[in-house]
N, C-alpha and C. Protein backbone atom coordinates (compact mmCIF):
# COMPACT_ATOMS: atom_id res chain seq x y z
N MET A 1 -10.73 10.12 -10.42
CA MET A 1 -9.73 9.27 -9.59
C MET A 1 -10.85 8.18 -8.84
N THR A 2 -9.97 7.20 -8.69
CA THR A 2 -10.83 6.08 -8.05
C THR A 2 -11.33 6.52 -6.59
N ASN A 3 -12.50 5.94 -6.06
CA ASN A 3 -12.75 6.27 -4.85
C ASN A 3 -11.97 5.42 -3.71
N LEU A 4 -11.41 6.44 -2.80
CA LEU A 4 -10.72 5.44 -1.86
C LEU A 4 -11.15 5.80 -0.50
N ALA A 5 -12.65 5.09 -0.48
CA ALA A 5 -13.43 4.96 0.58
C ALA A 5 -12.91 4.12 1.87
N PRO A 6 -12.87 4.19 3.01
CA PRO A 6 -12.27 3.50 3.86
C PRO A 6 -12.31 1.98 3.99
N ASP A 7 -13.47 1.70 3.56
CA ASP A 7 -13.94 0.34 3.53
C ASP A 7 -13.85 -0.42 2.02
N ARG A 8 -13.51 0.26 1.15
CA ARG A 8 -13.38 -0.21 -0.34
C ARG A 8 -12.01 -1.09 -0.22
N PRO A 9 -11.85 -2.43 -0.82
CA PRO A 9 -10.78 -3.15 -0.80
C PRO A 9 -9.75 -2.84 -2.21
N PHE A 10 -8.80 -2.85 -1.99
CA PHE A 10 -7.55 -2.80 -2.93
C PHE A 10 -6.72 -3.85 -2.99
N VAL A 11 -5.93 -3.99 -4.10
CA VAL A 11 -4.97 -5.09 -4.09
C VAL A 11 -3.80 -4.56 -5.22
N GLN A 12 -2.66 -5.39 -4.91
CA GLN A 12 -1.70 -5.12 -5.69
C GLN A 12 -1.92 -5.28 -7.46
N VAL A 13 -1.30 -4.50 -8.38
CA VAL A 13 -1.30 -4.78 -9.72
C VAL A 13 -0.21 -5.59 -9.89
N PRO A 14 -0.46 -6.90 -10.72
CA PRO A 14 0.48 -7.79 -10.80
C PRO A 14 1.59 -7.25 -11.67
N GLY A 15 2.77 -7.86 -11.70
CA GLY A 15 3.81 -7.52 -12.67
C GLY A 15 4.97 -6.65 -12.29
N ASN A 16 4.97 -6.12 -10.88
CA ASN A 16 6.11 -5.39 -10.37
C ASN A 16 7.08 -6.26 -9.79
N ILE A 17 8.14 -5.74 -9.82
CA ILE A 17 9.25 -6.59 -9.19
C ILE A 17 10.01 -5.92 -7.95
N VAL A 18 9.69 -6.50 -6.85
CA VAL A 18 9.97 -6.19 -5.52
C VAL A 18 11.06 -6.81 -4.74
N SER A 19 12.11 -6.14 -4.11
CA SER A 19 13.02 -6.63 -3.51
C SER A 19 13.38 -6.28 -2.13
N ASP A 20 13.87 -6.76 -1.13
CA ASP A 20 14.16 -6.41 0.19
C ASP A 20 15.44 -5.75 0.24
N MET A 21 15.96 -4.55 0.56
CA MET A 21 17.04 -4.09 0.83
C MET A 21 17.29 -3.42 1.90
N ASP A 22 18.08 -4.04 2.98
CA ASP A 22 18.39 -3.66 4.37
C ASP A 22 16.95 -3.25 5.00
N GLY A 23 16.23 -4.43 4.97
CA GLY A 23 14.89 -4.12 5.78
C GLY A 23 13.70 -3.15 5.16
N GLU A 24 14.10 -2.77 4.02
CA GLU A 24 13.12 -2.11 3.25
C GLU A 24 12.82 -2.51 2.08
N LYS A 25 11.59 -2.41 1.37
CA LYS A 25 11.47 -2.83 0.05
C LYS A 25 11.40 -1.59 -0.88
N VAL A 26 11.97 -2.14 -1.97
CA VAL A 26 12.18 -1.33 -3.25
C VAL A 26 11.44 -2.04 -4.49
N MET A 27 10.96 -1.31 -5.32
CA MET A 27 10.11 -2.04 -6.21
C MET A 27 10.27 -1.21 -7.73
N LEU A 28 10.26 -1.94 -8.64
CA LEU A 28 10.46 -1.69 -10.25
C LEU A 28 8.82 -1.77 -10.50
N ASN A 29 8.49 -0.62 -11.01
CA ASN A 29 7.14 -0.78 -11.88
C ASN A 29 7.56 -1.16 -13.24
N VAL A 30 7.49 -2.15 -13.77
CA VAL A 30 7.79 -2.86 -15.05
C VAL A 30 7.08 -2.00 -16.16
N SER A 31 5.96 -1.59 -15.97
CA SER A 31 5.18 -1.02 -16.92
C SER A 31 5.65 0.41 -17.31
N SER A 32 6.16 1.23 -16.17
CA SER A 32 6.29 2.69 -16.30
C SER A 32 7.93 2.67 -16.37
N GLY A 33 8.47 1.65 -15.78
CA GLY A 33 10.12 1.88 -15.44
C GLY A 33 10.49 2.59 -14.25
N LYS A 34 9.57 2.94 -13.53
CA LYS A 34 9.80 3.74 -12.38
C LYS A 34 10.52 2.92 -11.07
N TYR A 35 11.43 3.36 -10.49
CA TYR A 35 11.79 2.73 -9.37
C TYR A 35 11.27 3.37 -8.10
N PHE A 36 10.65 2.54 -6.85
CA PHE A 36 10.02 3.16 -5.53
C PHE A 36 10.85 2.50 -4.48
N ASN A 37 11.13 3.47 -3.52
CA ASN A 37 11.58 2.81 -2.21
C ASN A 37 10.39 2.97 -1.18
N LEU A 38 10.07 1.60 -0.95
CA LEU A 38 8.69 1.85 -0.23
C LEU A 38 8.90 1.81 1.30
N GLY A 39 10.10 1.67 1.55
CA GLY A 39 10.53 1.82 3.05
C GLY A 39 9.92 0.72 3.84
N GLN A 40 10.18 0.74 5.15
CA GLN A 40 9.59 -0.27 6.01
C GLN A 40 8.39 -0.47 6.11
N VAL A 41 7.48 0.75 6.64
CA VAL A 41 6.24 0.53 6.80
C VAL A 41 5.33 0.55 5.25
N GLY A 42 5.94 1.09 4.60
CA GLY A 42 5.28 1.10 3.01
C GLY A 42 5.51 -0.20 2.51
N GLY A 43 6.59 -0.69 2.73
CA GLY A 43 6.68 -2.27 2.14
C GLY A 43 5.92 -3.27 2.98
N ARG A 44 5.46 -2.84 4.45
CA ARG A 44 4.63 -3.84 4.81
C ARG A 44 3.09 -3.54 4.71
N ILE A 45 2.70 -2.48 4.16
CA ILE A 45 1.50 -2.30 3.25
C ILE A 45 1.29 -2.81 2.09
N TRP A 46 2.52 -2.85 1.44
CA TRP A 46 2.59 -3.47 0.07
C TRP A 46 2.25 -5.19 0.36
N GLU A 47 3.01 -5.63 1.35
CA GLU A 47 2.74 -7.01 1.43
C GLU A 47 1.39 -7.18 2.04
N LEU A 48 0.81 -6.44 2.76
CA LEU A 48 -0.84 -6.72 3.27
C LEU A 48 -1.38 -6.76 1.84
N LEU A 49 -1.32 -5.98 0.82
CA LEU A 49 -2.07 -5.82 -0.28
C LEU A 49 -2.00 -6.95 -1.46
N VAL A 50 -1.20 -8.03 -0.95
CA VAL A 50 -1.42 -9.29 -1.77
C VAL A 50 -2.54 -9.66 -1.62
N GLU A 51 -3.35 -9.62 -0.46
CA GLU A 51 -4.96 -9.90 -0.56
C GLU A 51 -5.49 -8.71 -0.43
N PRO A 52 -6.75 -8.63 -0.77
CA PRO A 52 -7.62 -7.47 -0.91
C PRO A 52 -7.48 -7.09 0.60
N ALA A 53 -7.54 -5.68 0.71
CA ALA A 53 -7.50 -4.84 1.93
C ALA A 53 -8.11 -3.49 1.79
N SER A 54 -8.90 -3.02 2.74
CA SER A 54 -9.29 -1.63 2.68
C SER A 54 -8.26 -0.66 3.79
N VAL A 55 -8.55 0.63 3.58
CA VAL A 55 -7.72 1.45 4.37
C VAL A 55 -8.02 1.09 5.77
N SER A 56 -9.12 0.95 6.18
CA SER A 56 -9.64 0.50 7.60
C SER A 56 -9.06 -0.65 8.06
N GLN A 57 -8.83 -1.73 7.15
CA GLN A 57 -8.28 -2.99 7.53
C GLN A 57 -6.77 -2.64 7.80
N LEU A 58 -6.17 -1.98 6.84
CA LEU A 58 -4.41 -1.71 7.00
C LEU A 58 -4.49 -0.99 8.39
N VAL A 59 -5.15 0.03 8.42
CA VAL A 59 -5.02 1.02 9.75
C VAL A 59 -5.18 0.03 11.01
N GLU A 60 -6.04 -1.09 10.97
CA GLU A 60 -6.13 -1.80 12.13
C GLU A 60 -4.98 -2.72 12.31
N THR A 61 -4.44 -3.22 11.22
CA THR A 61 -3.39 -4.21 11.51
C THR A 61 -1.99 -3.25 11.85
N LEU A 62 -1.90 -2.13 11.27
CA LEU A 62 -0.69 -1.24 11.50
C LEU A 62 -0.62 -0.72 13.06
N THR A 63 -1.77 -0.52 13.30
CA THR A 63 -1.94 0.12 14.66
C THR A 63 -1.64 -0.82 15.89
N GLU A 64 -1.91 -2.13 15.43
CA GLU A 64 -1.76 -3.35 16.19
C GLU A 64 0.06 -3.74 15.99
N GLU A 65 0.78 -3.44 15.04
CA GLU A 65 2.11 -3.75 14.85
C GLU A 65 3.07 -2.66 15.13
N TYR A 66 2.31 -1.36 15.05
CA TYR A 66 3.40 0.01 15.37
C TYR A 66 2.75 0.64 16.35
N ASP A 67 3.81 1.64 16.80
CA ASP A 67 3.06 2.49 17.92
C ASP A 67 2.67 3.75 17.25
N VAL A 68 1.54 3.83 16.92
CA VAL A 68 0.96 4.94 16.00
C VAL A 68 -0.36 5.07 16.57
N MET A 69 -0.89 6.46 16.52
CA MET A 69 -2.35 6.42 16.90
C MET A 69 -3.31 6.30 15.62
N PRO A 70 -4.30 5.58 15.83
CA PRO A 70 -5.24 5.56 14.66
C PRO A 70 -5.49 6.50 13.56
N GLU A 71 -5.72 7.69 14.33
CA GLU A 71 -5.98 9.09 13.08
C GLU A 71 -4.85 9.30 12.31
N GLN A 72 -3.75 9.20 13.08
CA GLN A 72 -2.46 9.39 12.42
C GLN A 72 -2.26 8.49 11.53
N CYS A 73 -2.45 7.33 11.78
CA CYS A 73 -1.97 6.30 10.79
C CYS A 73 -3.23 6.24 9.54
N ALA A 74 -4.39 6.44 9.71
CA ALA A 74 -5.27 6.56 8.99
C ALA A 74 -4.93 7.61 7.91
N TYR A 75 -4.55 8.68 8.16
CA TYR A 75 -4.01 9.92 7.39
C TYR A 75 -2.95 9.43 6.50
N GLN A 76 -1.83 8.84 7.19
CA GLN A 76 -0.73 8.39 6.47
C GLN A 76 -1.25 7.22 5.56
N VAL A 77 -1.88 6.18 5.91
CA VAL A 77 -2.19 5.12 5.11
C VAL A 77 -3.14 5.58 3.68
N SER A 78 -3.96 6.57 3.94
CA SER A 78 -4.93 7.24 2.93
C SER A 78 -3.68 7.96 1.92
N SER A 79 -3.12 8.61 2.37
CA SER A 79 -2.07 9.48 1.63
C SER A 79 -1.27 8.43 0.81
N TYR A 80 -0.59 7.40 1.30
CA TYR A 80 0.03 6.41 0.76
C TYR A 80 -0.73 5.55 -0.34
N MET A 81 -1.89 5.16 -0.13
CA MET A 81 -2.67 4.33 -0.94
C MET A 81 -3.11 5.34 -2.27
N LYS A 82 -3.27 6.53 -1.90
CA LYS A 82 -3.50 7.51 -3.27
C LYS A 82 -2.17 7.67 -4.00
N LEU A 83 -1.03 7.58 -3.55
CA LEU A 83 0.14 7.67 -4.40
C LEU A 83 0.27 6.39 -4.85
N LEU A 84 -0.08 5.20 -4.48
CA LEU A 84 -0.03 4.06 -4.91
C LEU A 84 -1.08 3.98 -6.27
N LEU A 85 -2.21 4.34 -5.98
CA LEU A 85 -3.40 4.52 -6.96
C LEU A 85 -2.85 5.30 -8.08
N LYS A 86 -2.26 6.53 -7.89
CA LYS A 86 -1.83 7.32 -8.77
C LYS A 86 -0.68 6.81 -9.73
N GLU A 87 -0.01 6.02 -9.22
CA GLU A 87 1.36 5.38 -9.85
C GLU A 87 0.69 4.00 -10.39
N GLN A 88 -0.48 3.64 -10.26
CA GLN A 88 -1.05 2.50 -10.82
C GLN A 88 -0.35 1.15 -10.43
N LEU A 89 -0.03 1.30 -9.08
CA LEU A 89 0.43 0.10 -8.45
C LEU A 89 -0.46 -0.93 -7.65
N ILE A 90 -1.54 -0.34 -7.30
CA ILE A 90 -2.85 -0.90 -6.85
C ILE A 90 -4.01 -0.54 -7.46
N GLN A 91 -4.87 -1.69 -7.34
CA GLN A 91 -6.30 -1.18 -8.08
C GLN A 91 -7.45 -1.81 -7.06
N PRO A 92 -8.63 -1.15 -7.40
CA PRO A 92 -9.67 -1.68 -6.52
C PRO A 92 -10.04 -3.10 -6.83
N HIS A 93 -10.18 -4.01 -5.72
CA HIS A 93 -10.57 -5.33 -5.88
C HIS A 93 -11.85 -5.63 -6.61
N ALA A 94 -12.04 -6.64 -7.41
CA ALA A 94 -13.16 -6.73 -8.20
C ALA A 94 -14.05 -7.56 -7.25
N ASP A 95 -14.98 -7.23 -6.91
CA ASP A 95 -15.89 -8.05 -5.93
C ASP A 95 -16.48 -9.35 -6.49
């Protein structure tokens, strides 16, 4: 599995279809045919991953935008990023 070091940047894998539905993002992974409800915060993470971003950068942004403790945010973001990696929705950014 790809290393999810806090400072390693990741970016969206192109080719997924994303729509807003009642303030939450839903996605169709075209290659697998799977649908995902990214939710509000997951949708925000997805938006941020248009540009290369690391877990630590995401945590910094999200703790400014939401009322969440940095440690809890880091755990949640790491877990979410692992899911996105497993589903091949994000990839390491080529330096």
